[in-house]
Every structure is written in structure tokens, then in C-alpha cells.
Amino acid sequence: MKNLRKGFTLVGIMIVVLIIGVLMAIAIPNFLNARTTAQTKACIANLKQIQSATEQVLMKNQTPSLSSTEKGGLWATDGPMKAEPVCPAAGTYTMAETSPYATTCGVEGHVLP
């Protein structure tokens, strides 16, 4: 009579666990880096939209400067932007008080090229 033992050996299971561990060690940092890159690109896109909206208001009003009410009106219901943009990395947007009204984000690396 044959003694057939079916199943996994301890060594086989350990090798599989080791391979999964190595793959996770490689994958997790890449996922975190991809998230940071995506947040930076989304923030830069927001900065470009704010800059474009500012230029639209300046051309529409034919003025070289924005008043404080016009700055707030960039994302009013009748403004060029429908909502105030928010940095996905929890930064804050600050608009310069003088021309060219460059908008900056409080997070390092989130700058217009």
C-alpha cells in the first residue's frame, strides 16, 4: 500500500512568503511615491487654473491690477472658476499682492514651472 501524502512542505510555504515579502518591499515605496507625484501634479494644475482665471479677469476689466473683491470673485458663481481650488496635499494657496499676481502653494515643490 502506497503512502501518498499531499500538501505543502514548510520550506515551500516559507519560499512563497519570502517572495511575497520581497515584492511588497519593492511595491509599497513606489505606491507612496506615485501618490506624492499625483498630488504635486494636481496642485500645479490648480495653480495654472488660478493664473489663467486671474488673467481672464484682468483682460475682462481692462485693468492692470486686481482689487481684493476681484481676487475673491475669481471663484464666485459668475467668475471664471466655479469653486475655490484646494491643494490635494493640504497646502494653502496665496496670491501675490502685485502684478503678475503669481499664486503659490505652501507645500514645498508645488510651484509653477
N, C-alpha and C. Protein backbone atom coordinates (compact mmCIF):
# COMPACT_ATOMS: atom_id res chain seq x y z
N MET A 1 0.83 -1.17 0.00
CA MET A 1 0.00 0.00 0.00
C MET A 1 0.88 1.25 0.00
N LYS A 2 0.57 2.18 -0.89
CA LYS A 2 1.35 3.41 -1.00
C LYS A 2 0.88 4.42 0.03
N ASN A 3 1.84 5.13 0.54
CA ASN A 3 1.52 6.21 1.49
C ASN A 3 1.65 7.53 0.74
N LEU A 4 0.54 8.05 0.20
CA LEU A 4 0.56 9.30 -0.55
C LEU A 4 0.23 10.45 0.39
N ARG A 5 1.19 11.31 0.57
CA ARG A 5 0.96 12.49 1.42
C ARG A 5 0.87 13.71 0.51
N LYS A 6 -0.27 14.33 0.53
CA LYS A 6 -0.47 15.51 -0.29
C LYS A 6 -0.45 16.73 0.62
N GLY A 7 0.07 17.82 0.10
CA GLY A 7 0.11 19.05 0.86
C GLY A 7 1.37 19.83 0.54
N PHE A 8 1.50 20.96 1.22
CA PHE A 8 2.66 21.82 1.02
C PHE A 8 3.69 21.53 2.09
N THR A 9 4.95 21.64 1.72
CA THR A 9 6.00 21.48 2.71
C THR A 9 6.26 22.83 3.38
N LEU A 10 6.84 22.78 4.53
CA LEU A 10 7.16 24.00 5.27
C LEU A 10 8.12 24.87 4.48
N VAL A 11 9.09 24.27 3.82
CA VAL A 11 10.06 25.02 3.02
C VAL A 11 9.37 25.70 1.85
N GLY A 12 8.45 25.04 1.21
CA GLY A 12 7.71 25.63 0.09
C GLY A 12 6.90 26.83 0.52
N ILE A 13 6.22 26.71 1.65
CA ILE A 13 5.44 27.84 2.16
C ILE A 13 6.35 29.01 2.53
N MET A 14 7.50 28.74 3.13
CA MET A 14 8.44 29.80 3.52
C MET A 14 8.97 30.53 2.29
N ILE A 15 9.23 29.81 1.21
CA ILE A 15 9.72 30.44 -0.01
C ILE A 15 8.66 31.36 -0.60
N VAL A 16 7.40 30.92 -0.60
CA VAL A 16 6.31 31.76 -1.11
C VAL A 16 6.17 33.01 -0.26
N VAL A 17 6.21 32.89 1.06
CA VAL A 17 6.11 34.05 1.95
C VAL A 17 7.28 35.00 1.72
N LEU A 18 8.46 34.48 1.51
CA LEU A 18 9.63 35.31 1.24
C LEU A 18 9.47 36.09 -0.06
N ILE A 19 8.99 35.43 -1.09
CA ILE A 19 8.78 36.09 -2.39
C ILE A 19 7.74 37.21 -2.26
N ILE A 20 6.65 36.95 -1.55
CA ILE A 20 5.62 37.96 -1.35
C ILE A 20 6.19 39.15 -0.56
N GLY A 21 7.00 38.86 0.44
CA GLY A 21 7.63 39.93 1.23
C GLY A 21 8.54 40.82 0.39
N VAL A 22 9.32 40.21 -0.48
CA VAL A 22 10.21 40.98 -1.36
C VAL A 22 9.41 41.85 -2.32
N LEU A 23 8.36 41.29 -2.89
CA LEU A 23 7.51 42.07 -3.80
C LEU A 23 6.85 43.25 -3.09
N MET A 24 6.40 43.04 -1.87
CA MET A 24 5.79 44.13 -1.10
C MET A 24 6.82 45.20 -0.76
N ALA A 25 8.04 44.78 -0.43
CA ALA A 25 9.09 45.75 -0.11
C ALA A 25 9.42 46.63 -1.31
N ILE A 26 9.25 46.10 -2.50
CA ILE A 26 9.51 46.88 -3.71
C ILE A 26 8.31 47.74 -4.06
N ALA A 27 7.10 47.21 -3.90
CA ALA A 27 5.89 47.89 -4.37
C ALA A 27 5.44 49.05 -3.49
N ILE A 28 5.48 48.90 -2.18
CA ILE A 28 4.91 49.93 -1.29
C ILE A 28 5.60 51.28 -1.45
N PRO A 29 6.92 51.39 -1.47
CA PRO A 29 7.53 52.72 -1.68
C PRO A 29 7.15 53.34 -3.03
N ASN A 30 7.00 52.50 -4.05
CA ASN A 30 6.61 53.02 -5.36
C ASN A 30 5.19 53.58 -5.33
N PHE A 31 4.29 52.94 -4.61
CA PHE A 31 2.92 53.44 -4.49
C PHE A 31 2.90 54.77 -3.76
N LEU A 32 3.68 54.90 -2.70
CA LEU A 32 3.73 56.16 -1.95
C LEU A 32 4.31 57.28 -2.81
N ASN A 33 5.34 56.98 -3.59
CA ASN A 33 5.94 57.96 -4.48
C ASN A 33 4.96 58.39 -5.55
N ALA A 34 4.19 57.45 -6.08
CA ALA A 34 3.20 57.78 -7.11
C ALA A 34 2.12 58.70 -6.55
N ARG A 35 1.73 58.49 -5.31
CA ARG A 35 0.72 59.35 -4.68
C ARG A 35 1.24 60.77 -4.53
N THR A 36 2.47 60.93 -4.07
CA THR A 36 3.06 62.25 -3.91
C THR A 36 3.18 62.96 -5.26
N THR A 37 3.59 62.24 -6.27
CA THR A 37 3.71 62.81 -7.62
C THR A 37 2.36 63.26 -8.14
N ALA A 38 1.33 62.46 -7.92
CA ALA A 38 -0.01 62.82 -8.38
C ALA A 38 -0.52 64.07 -7.66
N GLN A 39 -0.26 64.19 -6.36
CA GLN A 39 -0.68 65.37 -5.61
C GLN A 39 0.04 66.62 -6.12
N THR A 40 1.32 66.49 -6.41
CA THR A 40 2.08 67.63 -6.92
C THR A 40 1.54 68.08 -8.26
N LYS A 41 1.27 67.14 -9.15
CA LYS A 41 0.75 67.49 -10.47
C LYS A 41 -0.63 68.12 -10.38
N ALA A 42 -1.48 67.63 -9.48
CA ALA A 42 -2.81 68.21 -9.31
C ALA A 42 -2.72 69.63 -8.76
N CYS A 43 -1.80 69.86 -7.84
CA CYS A 43 -1.61 71.19 -7.28
C CYS A 43 -1.11 72.16 -8.35
N ILE A 44 -0.17 71.74 -9.17
CA ILE A 44 0.35 72.59 -10.24
C ILE A 44 -0.76 72.92 -11.24
N ALA A 45 -1.63 71.96 -11.51
CA ALA A 45 -2.77 72.21 -12.40
C ALA A 45 -3.70 73.27 -11.78
N ASN A 46 -3.91 73.20 -10.47
CA ASN A 46 -4.73 74.22 -9.79
C ASN A 46 -4.08 75.60 -9.90
N LEU A 47 -2.75 75.66 -9.72
CA LEU A 47 -2.04 76.94 -9.82
C LEU A 47 -2.19 77.53 -11.22
N LYS A 48 -2.12 76.67 -12.24
CA LYS A 48 -2.29 77.15 -13.62
C LYS A 48 -3.70 77.69 -13.84
N GLN A 49 -4.71 77.02 -13.26
CA GLN A 49 -6.08 77.48 -13.41
C GLN A 49 -6.29 78.82 -12.72
N ILE A 50 -5.72 78.99 -11.55
CA ILE A 50 -5.84 80.27 -10.84
C ILE A 50 -5.17 81.37 -11.65
N GLN A 51 -3.99 81.08 -12.19
CA GLN A 51 -3.27 82.07 -13.01
C GLN A 51 -4.09 82.45 -14.24
N SER A 52 -4.67 81.47 -14.89
CA SER A 52 -5.49 81.71 -16.07
C SER A 52 -6.73 82.53 -15.71
N ALA A 53 -7.38 82.20 -14.60
CA ALA A 53 -8.57 82.95 -14.18
C ALA A 53 -8.21 84.40 -13.86
N THR A 54 -7.06 84.61 -13.26
CA THR A 54 -6.61 85.97 -12.96
C THR A 54 -6.41 86.76 -14.24
N GLU A 55 -5.77 86.15 -15.22
CA GLU A 55 -5.55 86.83 -16.49
C GLU A 55 -6.87 87.14 -17.19
N GLN A 56 -7.85 86.24 -17.09
CA GLN A 56 -9.16 86.48 -17.70
C GLN A 56 -9.85 87.69 -17.07
N VAL A 57 -9.79 87.78 -15.74
CA VAL A 57 -10.42 88.91 -15.06
C VAL A 57 -9.71 90.22 -15.42
N LEU A 58 -8.38 90.19 -15.49
CA LEU A 58 -7.64 91.40 -15.85
C LEU A 58 -7.99 91.86 -17.26
N MET A 59 -8.10 90.92 -18.19
CA MET A 59 -8.45 91.28 -19.57
C MET A 59 -9.90 91.75 -19.66
N LYS A 60 -10.79 91.09 -18.94
CA LYS A 60 -12.21 91.45 -18.97
C LYS A 60 -12.42 92.87 -18.44
N ASN A 61 -11.77 93.20 -17.35
CA ASN A 61 -11.92 94.52 -16.72
C ASN A 61 -10.99 95.57 -17.32
N GLN A 62 -10.06 95.15 -18.15
CA GLN A 62 -9.06 96.03 -18.77
C GLN A 62 -8.36 96.89 -17.72
N THR A 63 -7.92 96.22 -16.67
CA THR A 63 -7.18 96.90 -15.60
C THR A 63 -5.87 96.18 -15.37
N PRO A 64 -4.86 96.91 -14.92
CA PRO A 64 -3.57 96.27 -14.66
C PRO A 64 -3.49 95.63 -13.28
N SER A 65 -4.50 95.84 -12.42
CA SER A 65 -4.42 95.29 -11.07
C SER A 65 -5.78 94.75 -10.65
N LEU A 66 -5.73 93.87 -9.67
CA LEU A 66 -6.94 93.28 -9.12
C LEU A 66 -7.24 93.90 -7.76
N SER A 67 -8.51 94.22 -7.53
CA SER A 67 -8.90 94.66 -6.19
C SER A 67 -9.11 93.42 -5.33
N SER A 68 -9.24 93.61 -4.03
CA SER A 68 -9.42 92.46 -3.14
C SER A 68 -10.74 91.76 -3.42
N THR A 69 -11.77 92.49 -3.84
CA THR A 69 -13.04 91.84 -4.17
C THR A 69 -12.92 91.03 -5.45
N GLU A 70 -12.11 91.48 -6.40
CA GLU A 70 -11.91 90.73 -7.63
C GLU A 70 -11.14 89.43 -7.37
N LYS A 71 -10.21 89.46 -6.41
CA LYS A 71 -9.48 88.24 -6.07
C LYS A 71 -10.44 87.19 -5.53
N GLY A 72 -11.35 87.61 -4.67
CA GLY A 72 -12.35 86.68 -4.15
C GLY A 72 -13.36 86.28 -5.19
N GLY A 73 -13.56 87.14 -6.20
CA GLY A 73 -14.52 86.85 -7.25
C GLY A 73 -14.02 85.88 -8.30
N LEU A 74 -12.76 85.46 -8.20
CA LEU A 74 -12.23 84.50 -9.17
C LEU A 74 -13.02 83.20 -9.15
N TRP A 75 -13.50 82.80 -7.96
CA TRP A 75 -14.25 81.55 -7.87
C TRP A 75 -15.67 81.78 -7.38
N ALA A 76 -16.23 82.93 -7.72
CA ALA A 76 -17.65 83.17 -7.46
C ALA A 76 -18.47 82.44 -8.52
N THR A 77 -19.78 82.42 -8.33
CA THR A 77 -20.63 81.69 -9.28
C THR A 77 -20.57 82.29 -10.68
N ASP A 78 -20.31 83.58 -10.78
CA ASP A 78 -20.20 84.20 -12.10
C ASP A 78 -18.76 84.44 -12.52
N GLY A 79 -17.81 83.93 -11.73
CA GLY A 79 -16.39 84.11 -12.04
C GLY A 79 -15.88 83.03 -12.98
N PRO A 80 -14.62 83.13 -13.38
CA PRO A 80 -14.04 82.15 -14.30
C PRO A 80 -13.89 80.76 -13.69
N MET A 81 -13.80 80.67 -12.37
CA MET A 81 -13.71 79.37 -11.70
C MET A 81 -14.97 79.19 -10.86
N LYS A 82 -15.53 78.01 -10.86
CA LYS A 82 -16.78 77.78 -10.14
C LYS A 82 -16.60 77.49 -8.67
N ALA A 83 -15.41 77.08 -8.27
CA ALA A 83 -15.14 76.79 -6.87
C ALA A 83 -13.69 77.11 -6.55
N GLU A 84 -13.44 77.44 -5.30
CA GLU A 84 -12.06 77.72 -4.89
C GLU A 84 -11.27 76.41 -4.88
N PRO A 85 -10.15 76.37 -5.59
CA PRO A 85 -9.37 75.13 -5.62
C PRO A 85 -8.69 74.85 -4.28
N VAL A 86 -8.49 73.58 -4.01
CA VAL A 86 -7.87 73.14 -2.77
C VAL A 86 -6.68 72.25 -3.13
N CYS A 87 -5.57 72.48 -2.48
CA CYS A 87 -4.38 71.67 -2.71
C CYS A 87 -4.63 70.26 -2.17
N PRO A 88 -4.38 69.23 -2.97
CA PRO A 88 -4.62 67.86 -2.51
C PRO A 88 -3.66 67.41 -1.40
N ALA A 89 -2.57 68.14 -1.22
CA ALA A 89 -1.61 67.80 -0.17
C ALA A 89 -1.79 68.68 1.06
N ALA A 90 -2.96 69.31 1.20
CA ALA A 90 -3.33 70.14 2.34
C ALA A 90 -2.50 71.42 2.43
N GLY A 91 -2.02 71.92 1.29
CA GLY A 91 -1.34 73.20 1.28
C GLY A 91 -2.34 74.34 1.15
N THR A 92 -1.85 75.57 1.28
CA THR A 92 -2.72 76.73 1.12
C THR A 92 -2.20 77.59 -0.02
N TYR A 93 -3.13 78.14 -0.80
CA TYR A 93 -2.77 78.98 -1.93
C TYR A 93 -2.73 80.44 -1.50
N THR A 94 -1.67 81.13 -1.94
CA THR A 94 -1.50 82.54 -1.62
C THR A 94 -1.23 83.29 -2.91
N MET A 95 -2.00 84.36 -3.15
CA MET A 95 -1.81 85.15 -4.36
C MET A 95 -0.99 86.40 -4.02
N ALA A 96 -0.04 86.71 -4.88
CA ALA A 96 0.79 87.90 -4.68
C ALA A 96 -0.08 89.15 -4.74
N GLU A 97 0.30 90.17 -4.02
CA GLU A 97 -0.50 91.40 -3.96
C GLU A 97 -0.26 92.32 -5.15
N THR A 98 0.80 92.09 -5.89
CA THR A 98 1.10 92.95 -7.03
C THR A 98 1.28 92.12 -8.28
N SER A 99 1.26 92.77 -9.40
CA SER A 99 1.43 92.10 -10.68
C SER A 99 2.75 91.34 -10.69
N PRO A 100 2.84 90.16 -11.23
CA PRO A 100 1.96 89.39 -12.09
C PRO A 100 0.97 88.51 -11.34
N TYR A 101 0.72 88.76 -10.05
CA TYR A 101 -0.26 88.01 -9.27
C TYR A 101 0.02 86.51 -9.27
N ALA A 102 1.26 86.18 -9.10
CA ALA A 102 1.65 84.77 -9.06
C ALA A 102 1.03 84.12 -7.82
N THR A 103 0.47 82.96 -8.01
CA THR A 103 -0.12 82.20 -6.91
C THR A 103 0.87 81.12 -6.50
N THR A 104 1.05 80.98 -5.21
CA THR A 104 1.97 79.97 -4.70
C THR A 104 1.23 79.05 -3.75
N CYS A 105 1.80 77.87 -3.55
CA CYS A 105 1.26 76.90 -2.62
C CYS A 105 2.23 76.78 -1.45
N GLY A 106 1.70 76.47 -0.28
CA GLY A 106 2.53 76.37 0.91
C GLY A 106 3.34 75.09 1.00
N VAL A 107 3.10 74.15 0.11
CA VAL A 107 3.83 72.87 0.14
C VAL A 107 5.08 72.99 -0.73
N GLU A 108 6.20 72.54 -0.19
CA GLU A 108 7.46 72.61 -0.95
C GLU A 108 7.38 71.75 -2.21
N GLY A 109 7.83 72.31 -3.31
CA GLY A 109 7.83 71.59 -4.57
C GLY A 109 6.59 71.84 -5.42
N HIS A 110 5.58 72.46 -4.85
CA HIS A 110 4.36 72.77 -5.59
C HIS A 110 4.49 74.18 -6.17
N VAL A 111 5.20 74.30 -7.28
CA VAL A 111 5.42 75.58 -7.93
C VAL A 111 5.18 75.43 -9.43
N LEU A 112 4.79 76.55 -10.04
CA LEU A 112 4.64 76.53 -11.47
C LEU A 112 6.01 76.43 -12.14
N PRO A 113 6.09 75.68 -13.23
CA PRO A 113 7.38 75.55 -13.91
C PRO A 113 7.76 76.84 -14.61
